[in-house]
N, C-alpha and C. Protein backbone atom coordinates (compact mmCIF):
# COMPACT_ATOMS: atom_id res chain seq x y z
N UNK A 1 0.82 -1.26 0.19
CA UNK A 1 -0.20 0.21 0.37
C UNK A 1 1.08 1.09 0.14
N UNK A 2 0.43 2.10 -0.82
CA UNK A 2 1.61 3.28 -1.14
C UNK A 2 1.28 4.33 0.14
N UNK A 3 1.89 5.42 0.46
CA UNK A 3 1.70 6.15 1.62
C UNK A 3 0.59 6.71 1.27
N UNK A 4 0.16 7.27 0.01
CA UNK A 4 -0.98 8.08 -0.37
C UNK A 4 -2.29 7.25 0.18
N UNK A 5 -2.30 6.05 -0.23
CA UNK A 5 -3.51 5.02 0.03
C UNK A 5 -3.30 4.72 1.61
N UNK A 6 -2.53 4.73 2.22
CA UNK A 6 -2.58 4.78 3.43
C UNK A 6 -3.35 5.82 4.10
N UNK A 7 -2.70 7.19 3.74
CA UNK A 7 -3.48 8.31 4.33
C UNK A 7 -4.98 8.76 4.05
N UNK A 8 -5.25 8.01 2.65
CA UNK A 8 -6.75 7.89 2.24
C UNK A 8 -7.45 6.91 3.14
N UNK A 9 -7.02 6.01 3.59
CA UNK A 9 -7.34 5.11 4.28
C UNK A 9 -7.75 5.61 6.01
N UNK A 10 -6.64 6.10 6.23
CA UNK A 10 -6.71 6.67 7.73
C UNK A 10 -7.67 7.88 7.78
N UNK A 11 -8.01 8.61 6.44
CA UNK A 11 -8.75 9.48 6.20
C UNK A 11 -10.02 8.89 6.42
N UNK A 12 -10.59 8.24 5.72
CA UNK A 12 -11.70 7.36 5.88
C UNK A 12 -12.30 7.11 7.04
N UNK A 13 -11.03 6.26 7.53
CA UNK A 13 -11.40 5.84 9.32
C UNK A 13 -11.68 6.87 10.10
N UNK A 14 -11.01 7.76 9.95
CA UNK A 14 -11.34 9.48 10.76
C UNK A 14 -12.84 9.65 10.61
N UNK A 15 -12.86 9.83 9.44
CA UNK A 15 -14.54 10.16 9.09
C UNK A 15 -15.39 9.21 9.56
N UNK A 16 -15.21 7.90 9.73
CA UNK A 16 -16.36 6.93 10.26
C UNK A 16 -16.45 7.05 11.80
N UNK A 17 -15.15 7.57 12.34
CA UNK A 17 -14.92 7.51 13.58
C UNK A 17 -15.44 8.54 14.17
N UNK A 18 -15.52 9.99 13.49
CA UNK A 18 -16.13 11.08 13.95
C UNK A 18 -18.02 10.83 13.89
N UNK A 19 -18.57 10.12 13.00
CA UNK A 19 -19.91 9.75 12.81
C UNK A 19 -20.37 9.16 13.88
N UNK A 20 -19.39 8.00 14.73
CA UNK A 20 -20.00 7.07 15.65
C UNK A 20 -20.25 7.84 16.94
N UNK A 21 -21.31 7.49 17.32
CA UNK A 21 -22.01 7.80 18.71
C UNK A 21 -21.84 6.68 19.76
N UNK A 22 -21.78 5.61 19.42
CA UNK A 22 -21.91 4.17 20.16
C UNK A 22 -20.58 4.38 20.92
N UNK A 23 -20.99 4.14 22.50
CA UNK A 23 -19.92 4.52 23.56
C UNK A 23 -19.22 2.96 23.52
N UNK A 24 -19.95 2.33 23.08
CA UNK A 24 -19.28 0.77 23.44
C UNK A 24 -18.33 0.45 22.25
N UNK A 25 -18.92 0.82 20.83
CA UNK A 25 -18.23 0.55 19.86
C UNK A 25 -16.90 1.40 19.86
N UNK A 26 -16.94 3.00 20.38
CA UNK A 26 -16.10 3.66 20.52
C UNK A 26 -14.59 2.79 21.38
N UNK A 27 -15.08 2.39 22.65
CA UNK A 27 -14.10 1.80 23.37
C UNK A 27 -13.56 0.69 22.94
N UNK A 28 -14.30 -0.02 22.22
CA UNK A 28 -13.89 -1.28 21.44
C UNK A 28 -12.69 -1.02 20.18
N UNK A 29 -12.84 0.15 19.70
CA UNK A 29 -12.12 0.87 18.68
C UNK A 29 -10.56 1.49 19.63
N UNK A 30 -10.99 1.77 20.84
CA UNK A 30 -9.80 2.69 21.27
C UNK A 30 -8.76 1.17 21.64
N UNK A 31 -9.50 0.25 22.17
CA UNK A 31 -8.62 -0.82 22.50
C UNK A 31 -8.10 -1.59 21.47
N UNK A 32 -8.62 -1.86 20.56
CA UNK A 32 -8.09 -2.03 19.14
C UNK A 32 -6.70 -1.14 19.10
N UNK A 33 -6.94 -0.22 18.93
CA UNK A 33 -6.01 0.73 18.47
C UNK A 33 -4.69 0.63 19.19
N UNK A 34 -4.77 0.49 20.73
CA UNK A 34 -3.97 0.26 21.82
C UNK A 34 -3.39 -0.91 21.60
N UNK A 35 -3.91 -1.78 21.10
CA UNK A 35 -3.50 -3.10 20.93
C UNK A 35 -2.18 -2.97 19.77
N UNK A 36 -2.69 -2.66 18.74
CA UNK A 36 -2.04 -2.42 17.29
C UNK A 36 -0.88 -1.88 17.88
N UNK A 37 -0.62 -0.64 18.40
CA UNK A 37 0.12 0.64 18.22
C UNK A 37 0.99 0.09 19.60
N UNK A 38 0.80 -0.65 20.48
CA UNK A 38 1.67 -1.05 21.32
C UNK A 38 2.77 -2.11 20.48
N UNK A 39 4.22 -1.86 21.12
CA UNK A 39 5.24 -2.82 20.79
C UNK A 39 4.79 -4.26 21.43
N UNK A 40 4.71 -5.31 20.28
CA UNK A 40 4.64 -6.60 21.09
C UNK A 40 5.62 -7.16 22.42
N UNK A 41 5.05 -7.47 23.36
CA UNK A 41 5.93 -7.66 24.42
C UNK A 41 6.72 -9.19 24.13
N UNK A 42 8.21 -9.07 24.75
CA UNK A 42 8.98 -10.52 24.17
C UNK A 42 8.10 -11.66 24.82
N UNK A 43 8.48 -12.67 23.77
CA UNK A 43 7.85 -13.89 24.22
C UNK A 43 9.05 -14.85 24.86
N UNK A 44 8.50 -15.18 25.93
CA UNK A 44 8.74 -15.81 27.02
C UNK A 44 9.78 -16.97 26.80
N UNK A 45 9.09 -17.45 25.19
CA UNK A 45 9.77 -18.72 24.74
C UNK A 45 11.10 -18.55 23.92
N UNK A 46 11.41 -17.21 23.75
CA UNK A 46 12.43 -16.34 23.06
C UNK A 46 13.59 -16.56 24.11
N UNK A 47 13.32 -16.68 25.61
CA UNK A 47 14.15 -16.43 26.45
C UNK A 47 14.54 -17.90 27.10
N UNK A 48 13.96 -18.74 26.82
CA UNK A 48 14.45 -20.13 27.17
C UNK A 48 15.65 -20.49 26.64
N UNK A 49 16.40 -21.14 27.58
CA UNK A 49 17.66 -21.93 27.23
C UNK A 49 17.35 -23.10 26.06
N UNK A 50 18.19 -23.51 25.35
CA UNK A 50 17.80 -24.95 24.68
C UNK A 50 17.15 -26.15 25.42
N UNK A 51 17.91 -26.18 26.73
CA UNK A 51 17.27 -26.93 27.66
C UNK A 51 16.28 -26.83 28.13
N UNK A 52 15.81 -25.65 28.59
CA UNK A 52 14.89 -25.46 28.85
C UNK A 52 13.59 -25.78 28.01
N UNK A 53 13.93 -25.34 26.65
CA UNK A 53 12.62 -25.54 25.71
C UNK A 53 12.57 -27.10 25.67
N UNK A 54 13.60 -27.85 25.45
CA UNK A 54 13.43 -28.96 25.33
C UNK A 54 12.55 -29.64 26.47
N UNK A 55 12.74 -29.33 27.96
CA UNK A 55 11.77 -30.08 29.13
C UNK A 55 10.60 -29.61 28.71
N UNK A 56 10.35 -28.35 28.29
CA UNK A 56 8.97 -27.62 28.01
C UNK A 56 8.17 -28.68 27.01
N UNK A 57 8.77 -28.75 25.81
CA UNK A 57 8.41 -29.36 24.73
C UNK A 57 8.05 -30.92 25.16
N UNK A 58 8.85 -31.47 25.91
CA UNK A 58 8.48 -32.85 26.53
C UNK A 58 7.57 -32.89 27.34
N UNK A 59 7.35 -31.79 28.45
CA UNK A 59 6.11 -32.12 29.34
C UNK A 59 5.04 -31.67 28.18
N UNK A 60 4.89 -31.08 27.70
CA UNK A 60 3.74 -30.65 26.57
C UNK A 60 3.29 -32.13 25.83
N UNK A 61 4.54 -32.69 25.36
CA UNK A 61 3.70 -34.20 24.66
C UNK A 61 3.47 -35.04 25.89
N UNK A 62 3.81 -35.08 26.88
CA UNK A 62 3.48 -35.80 28.13
C UNK A 62 2.15 -35.53 28.41
N UNK A 63 1.46 -34.33 28.64
CA UNK A 63 0.45 -33.50 29.17
C UNK A 63 -0.70 -34.06 27.77
N UNK A 64 -0.27 -33.83 26.76
CA UNK A 64 -0.87 -34.23 25.36
C UNK A 64 -1.29 -35.60 25.43
N UNK A 65 -0.56 -36.57 26.09
CA UNK A 65 -0.73 -38.10 25.72
C UNK A 65 -1.33 -38.69 26.94
N UNK A 66 -1.92 -37.68 27.70
CA UNK A 66 -2.38 -37.74 29.03
C UNK A 66 -1.91 -38.38 30.22
N UNK A 67 -0.40 -37.92 30.38
CA UNK A 67 0.21 -38.49 31.54
C UNK A 67 0.38 -37.36 32.13
N UNK A 68 -0.70 -37.15 33.19
CA UNK A 68 -0.90 -35.92 33.91
C UNK A 68 -1.35 -36.50 35.21
N UNK A 69 -1.21 -35.59 36.37
CA UNK A 69 -1.70 -35.85 37.76
C UNK A 69 -2.71 -34.80 37.94
N UNK A 70 -3.94 -35.14 38.74
CA UNK A 70 -4.50 -34.06 39.09
C UNK A 70 -3.97 -33.31 40.57
N UNK A 71 -4.43 -32.12 40.62
CA UNK A 71 -3.68 -31.07 42.13
C UNK A 71 -3.81 -32.30 43.19
N UNK A 72 -5.15 -32.86 43.20
CA UNK A 72 -5.18 -33.76 44.44
C UNK A 72 -3.78 -34.90 44.52
N UNK A 73 -3.75 -35.33 43.40
CA UNK A 73 -2.88 -36.33 43.29
C UNK A 73 -1.52 -36.04 43.67
N UNK A 74 -1.12 -35.01 43.37
CA UNK A 74 0.29 -34.26 43.77
C UNK A 74 0.60 -33.86 45.14
N UNK A 75 -0.77 -33.33 45.77
CA UNK A 75 -0.70 -33.46 46.76
C UNK A 75 -0.41 -34.50 47.72
N UNK A 76 -0.96 -35.50 47.41
CA UNK A 76 -0.85 -36.91 48.01
C UNK A 76 0.38 -37.58 48.04
N UNK A 77 1.04 -37.42 46.80
CA UNK A 77 2.18 -37.85 46.37
C UNK A 77 3.47 -37.01 47.37
N UNK A 78 3.15 -35.55 47.24
CA UNK A 78 4.04 -34.67 47.99
C UNK A 78 3.94 -35.28 49.67
N UNK A 79 2.53 -35.11 50.11
CA UNK A 79 2.76 -35.83 51.61
C UNK A 79 3.56 -37.20 52.04
N UNK A 80 2.98 -37.98 50.78
CA UNK A 80 4.30 -39.21 51.05
C UNK A 80 5.35 -39.24 51.16
N UNK A 81 5.80 -38.37 50.03
CA UNK A 81 7.27 -37.99 50.09
C UNK A 81 8.15 -37.60 51.35
N UNK A 82 6.92 -36.36 51.74
CA UNK A 82 7.81 -35.55 52.92
C UNK A 82 7.72 -36.29 54.29
N UNK A 83 6.33 -37.35 54.07
CA UNK A 83 6.80 -38.09 55.24
C UNK A 83 7.63 -39.18 55.57
N UNK A 84 8.32 -39.24 54.53
CA UNK A 84 9.58 -40.28 54.34
C UNK A 84 10.85 -40.30 55.25
């Protein structure tokens, strides 16, 4: 899109916003603009070491395979371990 086309698009959007009186719609537009104008936050996955990433990937694979424990099961295993 050329600079001129972008300027025309912005002008059209401004016109439409100026005609809009619905508060909810205006709030939604404000939130959308804030979302797109804010630089994206760093993805925590980009900061993981290769070992951490591998461990996370393995954990996800196990969870997807149904190898999970409920919170109650974990509490019971912790009680057993601590009572040794």
